[in-house]
Amino acid sequence: MRGAPSRAALVMASWTAAHTDHGTERPAAARLQLALPPRPDDTAPGRWRLRTVSCADPEAFRLRAAAFEGAGPLVQVGAPTAARGLDLHRGALYVAAGDGWSASVS
């Protein structure tokens, strides 16, 4: 994907199990907040930016403490609006979203 960062730092990760809330079924959900390095054409060089993305009904969500160890390799597979996988720190964080993310990680 053009413009996609090859590194990121995990700032926050959350996962909510599927549940029933006052008689209404709610799907599982995942939300990530990532610090991304500046883009090459950024007018504020050296400034990292925050990006929050979420997905409903994730197919996989794995998280180890090593995912919070600063900037690490970020691998994204698939199209932003279709099935998509996101891997940070070589498997310390892995999330697969069958319906894609709320926004692209770019």
N, C-alpha and C. Protein backbone atom coordinates (compact mmCIF):
# COMPACT_ATOMS: atom_id res chain seq x y z
N MET A 1 0.85 -1.18 0.00
CA MET A 1 0.00 0.00 0.00
C MET A 1 0.90 1.24 0.00
N ARG A 2 0.64 2.16 -0.92
CA ARG A 2 1.42 3.37 -1.03
C ARG A 2 1.16 4.27 0.18
N GLY A 3 2.21 4.80 0.78
CA GLY A 3 2.07 5.70 1.91
C GLY A 3 1.90 5.01 3.25
N ALA A 4 1.84 3.68 3.24
CA ALA A 4 1.67 2.95 4.50
C ALA A 4 3.00 2.91 5.25
N PRO A 5 2.99 3.21 6.54
CA PRO A 5 4.24 3.19 7.31
C PRO A 5 4.74 1.77 7.53
N SER A 6 6.05 1.62 7.62
CA SER A 6 6.63 0.31 7.89
C SER A 6 6.96 0.14 9.37
N ARG A 7 6.75 1.20 10.15
CA ARG A 7 6.98 1.17 11.59
C ARG A 7 5.84 1.89 12.31
N ALA A 8 5.62 1.51 13.56
CA ALA A 8 4.61 2.16 14.38
C ALA A 8 4.90 1.83 15.84
N ALA A 9 4.33 2.63 16.74
CA ALA A 9 4.41 2.37 18.17
C ALA A 9 2.97 2.24 18.68
N LEU A 10 2.70 1.18 19.41
CA LEU A 10 1.37 0.97 19.97
C LEU A 10 1.21 1.83 21.22
N VAL A 11 0.18 2.65 21.25
CA VAL A 11 -0.10 3.53 22.37
C VAL A 11 -1.22 2.94 23.24
N MET A 12 -2.24 2.36 22.57
CA MET A 12 -3.39 1.81 23.29
C MET A 12 -3.99 0.70 22.45
N ALA A 13 -4.44 -0.35 23.12
CA ALA A 13 -5.15 -1.44 22.45
C ALA A 13 -6.31 -1.86 23.34
N SER A 14 -7.47 -2.08 22.73
CA SER A 14 -8.60 -2.59 23.51
C SER A 14 -9.36 -3.61 22.68
N TRP A 15 -9.95 -4.54 23.39
CA TRP A 15 -10.78 -5.57 22.78
C TRP A 15 -11.99 -5.77 23.68
N THR A 16 -13.15 -5.80 23.08
CA THR A 16 -14.39 -6.04 23.81
C THR A 16 -15.03 -7.30 23.23
N ALA A 17 -15.36 -8.23 24.10
CA ALA A 17 -16.00 -9.47 23.66
C ALA A 17 -17.43 -9.20 23.19
N ALA A 18 -17.92 -10.06 22.34
CA ALA A 18 -19.33 -9.98 21.95
C ALA A 18 -20.18 -10.16 23.21
N HIS A 19 -21.25 -9.40 23.30
CA HIS A 19 -22.07 -9.45 24.50
C HIS A 19 -23.48 -8.94 24.20
N THR A 20 -24.36 -9.13 25.14
CA THR A 20 -25.72 -8.60 25.05
C THR A 20 -25.84 -7.45 26.04
N ASP A 21 -26.30 -6.32 25.55
CA ASP A 21 -26.43 -5.11 26.36
C ASP A 21 -27.90 -4.70 26.36
N HIS A 22 -28.58 -4.89 27.49
CA HIS A 22 -30.00 -4.55 27.63
C HIS A 22 -30.83 -5.16 26.50
N GLY A 23 -30.56 -6.43 26.22
CA GLY A 23 -31.34 -7.15 25.22
C GLY A 23 -30.85 -6.97 23.78
N THR A 24 -29.84 -6.15 23.56
CA THR A 24 -29.31 -5.92 22.22
C THR A 24 -27.95 -6.61 22.09
N GLU A 25 -27.81 -7.43 21.06
CA GLU A 25 -26.54 -8.12 20.84
C GLU A 25 -25.52 -7.15 20.27
N ARG A 26 -24.32 -7.17 20.84
CA ARG A 26 -23.21 -6.32 20.38
C ARG A 26 -22.08 -7.22 19.92
N PRO A 27 -21.50 -6.95 18.74
CA PRO A 27 -20.40 -7.79 18.28
C PRO A 27 -19.11 -7.47 19.04
N ALA A 28 -18.15 -8.35 18.94
CA ALA A 28 -16.83 -8.07 19.49
C ALA A 28 -16.26 -6.86 18.75
N ALA A 29 -15.32 -6.16 19.37
CA ALA A 29 -14.71 -4.99 18.75
C ALA A 29 -13.27 -4.84 19.20
N ALA A 30 -12.46 -4.29 18.33
CA ALA A 30 -11.06 -3.99 18.66
C ALA A 30 -10.78 -2.54 18.29
N ARG A 31 -9.97 -1.89 19.09
CA ARG A 31 -9.57 -0.50 18.82
C ARG A 31 -8.09 -0.37 19.13
N LEU A 32 -7.37 0.29 18.24
CA LEU A 32 -5.93 0.50 18.40
C LEU A 32 -5.63 1.98 18.24
N GLN A 33 -4.67 2.45 19.01
CA GLN A 33 -4.14 3.79 18.79
C GLN A 33 -2.65 3.61 18.54
N LEU A 34 -2.21 4.06 17.37
CA LEU A 34 -0.83 3.89 16.93
C LEU A 34 -0.15 5.24 16.74
N ALA A 35 1.10 5.32 17.14
CA ALA A 35 1.92 6.48 16.81
C ALA A 35 2.66 6.11 15.53
N LEU A 36 2.51 6.96 14.51
CA LEU A 36 3.11 6.70 13.20
C LEU A 36 4.17 7.74 12.91
N PRO A 37 5.25 7.32 12.24
CA PRO A 37 6.32 8.27 11.93
C PRO A 37 5.85 9.31 10.92
N PRO A 38 6.57 10.41 10.81
CA PRO A 38 6.17 11.44 9.85
C PRO A 38 6.22 10.90 8.42
N ARG A 39 5.35 11.40 7.60
CA ARG A 39 5.38 11.07 6.17
C ARG A 39 6.55 11.82 5.53
N PRO A 40 7.09 11.28 4.44
CA PRO A 40 8.21 11.97 3.77
C PRO A 40 7.88 13.40 3.35
N ASP A 41 6.61 13.66 3.00
CA ASP A 41 6.23 15.00 2.55
C ASP A 41 5.62 15.85 3.67
N ASP A 42 5.77 15.42 4.92
CA ASP A 42 5.19 16.13 6.06
C ASP A 42 5.84 17.49 6.24
N THR A 43 5.03 18.50 6.54
CA THR A 43 5.55 19.86 6.73
C THR A 43 6.17 20.04 8.12
N ALA A 44 5.94 19.08 9.02
CA ALA A 44 6.54 19.13 10.36
C ALA A 44 7.45 17.90 10.52
N PRO A 45 8.62 17.92 9.90
CA PRO A 45 9.50 16.75 9.96
C PRO A 45 9.88 16.40 11.40
N GLY A 46 9.95 15.12 11.67
CA GLY A 46 10.30 14.67 13.02
C GLY A 46 9.12 14.49 13.94
N ARG A 47 7.95 14.99 13.58
CA ARG A 47 6.76 14.87 14.42
C ARG A 47 5.98 13.61 14.08
N TRP A 48 5.83 12.75 15.07
CA TRP A 48 5.01 11.56 14.88
C TRP A 48 3.55 11.96 15.05
N ARG A 49 2.65 11.16 14.51
CA ARG A 49 1.22 11.46 14.58
C ARG A 49 0.48 10.26 15.15
N LEU A 50 -0.68 10.50 15.74
CA LEU A 50 -1.50 9.43 16.30
C LEU A 50 -2.60 9.05 15.31
N ARG A 51 -2.87 7.76 15.22
CA ARG A 51 -3.94 7.27 14.37
C ARG A 51 -4.74 6.25 15.16
N THR A 52 -6.04 6.44 15.27
CA THR A 52 -6.91 5.49 15.96
C THR A 52 -7.73 4.75 14.91
N VAL A 53 -7.71 3.42 14.99
CA VAL A 53 -8.48 2.60 14.07
C VAL A 53 -9.25 1.57 14.88
N SER A 54 -10.38 1.14 14.35
CA SER A 54 -11.18 0.14 15.04
C SER A 54 -11.79 -0.80 14.02
N CYS A 55 -12.23 -1.95 14.51
CA CYS A 55 -12.93 -2.90 13.65
C CYS A 55 -13.97 -3.62 14.49
N ALA A 56 -15.03 -4.02 13.83
CA ALA A 56 -16.08 -4.80 14.49
C ALA A 56 -15.85 -6.27 14.20
N ASP A 57 -16.10 -7.08 15.19
CA ASP A 57 -16.05 -8.53 15.05
C ASP A 57 -14.71 -9.04 14.52
N PRO A 58 -13.59 -8.69 15.18
CA PRO A 58 -12.29 -9.16 14.71
C PRO A 58 -12.21 -10.68 14.71
N GLU A 59 -11.56 -11.22 13.69
CA GLU A 59 -11.40 -12.66 13.58
C GLU A 59 -10.27 -13.16 14.48
N ALA A 60 -9.31 -12.30 14.78
CA ALA A 60 -8.20 -12.66 15.67
C ALA A 60 -7.74 -11.40 16.39
N PHE A 61 -7.34 -11.56 17.65
CA PHE A 61 -6.79 -10.46 18.44
C PHE A 61 -5.78 -11.07 19.41
N ARG A 62 -4.51 -10.86 19.15
CA ARG A 62 -3.46 -11.36 20.03
C ARG A 62 -2.59 -10.18 20.45
N LEU A 63 -2.29 -10.12 21.73
CA LEU A 63 -1.51 -9.01 22.28
C LEU A 63 -0.59 -9.51 23.38
N ARG A 64 0.70 -9.17 23.25
CA ARG A 64 1.68 -9.44 24.30
C ARG A 64 2.29 -8.11 24.72
N ALA A 65 2.84 -8.06 25.92
CA ALA A 65 3.42 -6.83 26.46
C ALA A 65 4.49 -6.26 25.53
N ALA A 66 5.19 -7.11 24.79
CA ALA A 66 6.25 -6.64 23.88
C ALA A 66 5.72 -5.68 22.82
N ALA A 67 4.41 -5.69 22.56
CA ALA A 67 3.83 -4.78 21.57
C ALA A 67 3.97 -3.32 21.99
N PHE A 68 4.16 -3.06 23.29
CA PHE A 68 4.26 -1.69 23.80
C PHE A 68 5.71 -1.22 23.96
N GLU A 69 6.66 -1.93 23.37
CA GLU A 69 8.08 -1.59 23.54
C GLU A 69 8.58 -0.56 22.54
N GLY A 70 7.81 0.44 22.24
CA GLY A 70 8.24 1.50 21.34
C GLY A 70 7.98 1.14 19.89
N ALA A 71 8.60 1.90 18.99
CA ALA A 71 8.38 1.70 17.56
C ALA A 71 8.96 0.36 17.12
N GLY A 72 8.22 -0.32 16.27
CA GLY A 72 8.65 -1.61 15.76
C GLY A 72 8.10 -1.83 14.37
N PRO A 73 8.48 -2.93 13.76
CA PRO A 73 8.02 -3.22 12.41
C PRO A 73 6.50 -3.41 12.35
N LEU A 74 5.88 -2.76 11.38
CA LEU A 74 4.43 -2.83 11.16
C LEU A 74 4.18 -3.45 9.80
N VAL A 75 3.39 -4.52 9.77
CA VAL A 75 3.06 -5.19 8.52
C VAL A 75 1.54 -5.20 8.40
N GLN A 76 1.06 -4.73 7.25
CA GLN A 76 -0.37 -4.72 6.96
C GLN A 76 -0.62 -5.59 5.73
N VAL A 77 -1.64 -6.44 5.79
CA VAL A 77 -1.96 -7.32 4.69
C VAL A 77 -3.43 -7.11 4.32
N GLY A 78 -3.72 -6.99 3.03
CA GLY A 78 -5.10 -6.84 2.57
C GLY A 78 -5.43 -5.39 2.27
N ALA A 79 -6.65 -5.18 1.80
CA ALA A 79 -7.14 -3.84 1.46
C ALA A 79 -7.79 -3.21 2.68
N PRO A 80 -7.68 -1.88 2.84
CA PRO A 80 -8.22 -1.22 4.04
C PRO A 80 -9.70 -1.47 4.30
N THR A 81 -10.51 -1.62 3.24
CA THR A 81 -11.95 -1.79 3.44
C THR A 81 -12.40 -3.23 3.30
N ALA A 82 -11.46 -4.15 3.15
CA ALA A 82 -11.80 -5.58 3.03
C ALA A 82 -11.05 -6.33 4.12
N ALA A 83 -11.01 -7.64 4.01
CA ALA A 83 -10.30 -8.45 5.01
C ALA A 83 -8.87 -7.91 5.15
N ARG A 84 -8.44 -7.76 6.39
CA ARG A 84 -7.17 -7.09 6.64
C ARG A 84 -6.53 -7.64 7.90
N GLY A 85 -5.21 -7.79 7.86
CA GLY A 85 -4.46 -8.19 9.03
C GLY A 85 -3.42 -7.13 9.36
N LEU A 86 -3.15 -6.95 10.64
CA LEU A 86 -2.18 -5.97 11.08
C LEU A 86 -1.27 -6.65 12.10
N ASP A 87 0.04 -6.58 11.90
CA ASP A 87 1.02 -7.22 12.76
C ASP A 87 2.05 -6.16 13.19
N LEU A 88 2.30 -6.07 14.48
CA LEU A 88 3.28 -5.12 15.01
C LEU A 88 4.26 -5.87 15.89
N HIS A 89 5.53 -5.53 15.79
CA HIS A 89 6.59 -6.17 16.58
C HIS A 89 6.61 -7.68 16.37
N ARG A 90 6.53 -8.09 15.09
CA ARG A 90 6.65 -9.50 14.71
C ARG A 90 5.75 -10.42 15.52
N GLY A 91 4.48 -10.08 15.60
CA GLY A 91 3.49 -10.92 16.24
C GLY A 91 3.13 -10.54 17.66
N ALA A 92 3.79 -9.55 18.25
CA ALA A 92 3.43 -9.12 19.61
C ALA A 92 2.00 -8.56 19.62
N LEU A 93 1.60 -7.93 18.52
CA LEU A 93 0.21 -7.52 18.32
C LEU A 93 -0.20 -8.05 16.96
N TYR A 94 -1.29 -8.79 16.92
CA TYR A 94 -1.84 -9.25 15.65
C TYR A 94 -3.35 -9.13 15.73
N VAL A 95 -3.94 -8.44 14.77
CA VAL A 95 -5.39 -8.30 14.69
C VAL A 95 -5.79 -8.56 13.24
N ALA A 96 -6.78 -9.44 13.05
CA ALA A 96 -7.35 -9.69 11.73
C ALA A 96 -8.79 -9.21 11.73
N ALA A 97 -9.13 -8.41 10.73
CA ALA A 97 -10.47 -7.83 10.63
C ALA A 97 -11.09 -8.25 9.31
N GLY A 98 -12.13 -9.06 9.37
CA GLY A 98 -12.77 -9.56 8.15
C GLY A 98 -13.41 -8.49 7.32
N ASP A 99 -13.92 -7.43 7.95
CA ASP A 99 -14.59 -6.35 7.22
C ASP A 99 -13.74 -5.11 7.10
N GLY A 100 -12.47 -5.18 7.45
CA GLY A 100 -11.59 -4.01 7.35
C GLY A 100 -11.66 -3.12 8.59
N TRP A 101 -10.94 -2.02 8.53
CA TRP A 101 -10.79 -1.08 9.63
C TRP A 101 -11.64 0.15 9.41
N SER A 102 -11.86 0.90 10.47
CA SER A 102 -12.64 2.14 10.38
C SER A 102 -11.91 3.20 9.56
N ALA A 103 -10.59 3.09 9.47
CA ALA A 103 -9.77 4.02 8.70
C ALA A 103 -8.50 3.30 8.28
N SER A 104 -7.81 3.82 7.30
CA SER A 104 -6.56 3.17 6.89
C SER A 104 -5.45 3.55 7.87
N VAL A 105 -4.50 2.66 8.02
CA VAL A 105 -3.33 2.94 8.86
C VAL A 105 -2.26 3.46 7.92
N SER A 106 -2.30 4.77 7.68
CA SER A 106 -1.33 5.39 6.78
C SER A 106 -0.95 6.77 7.28
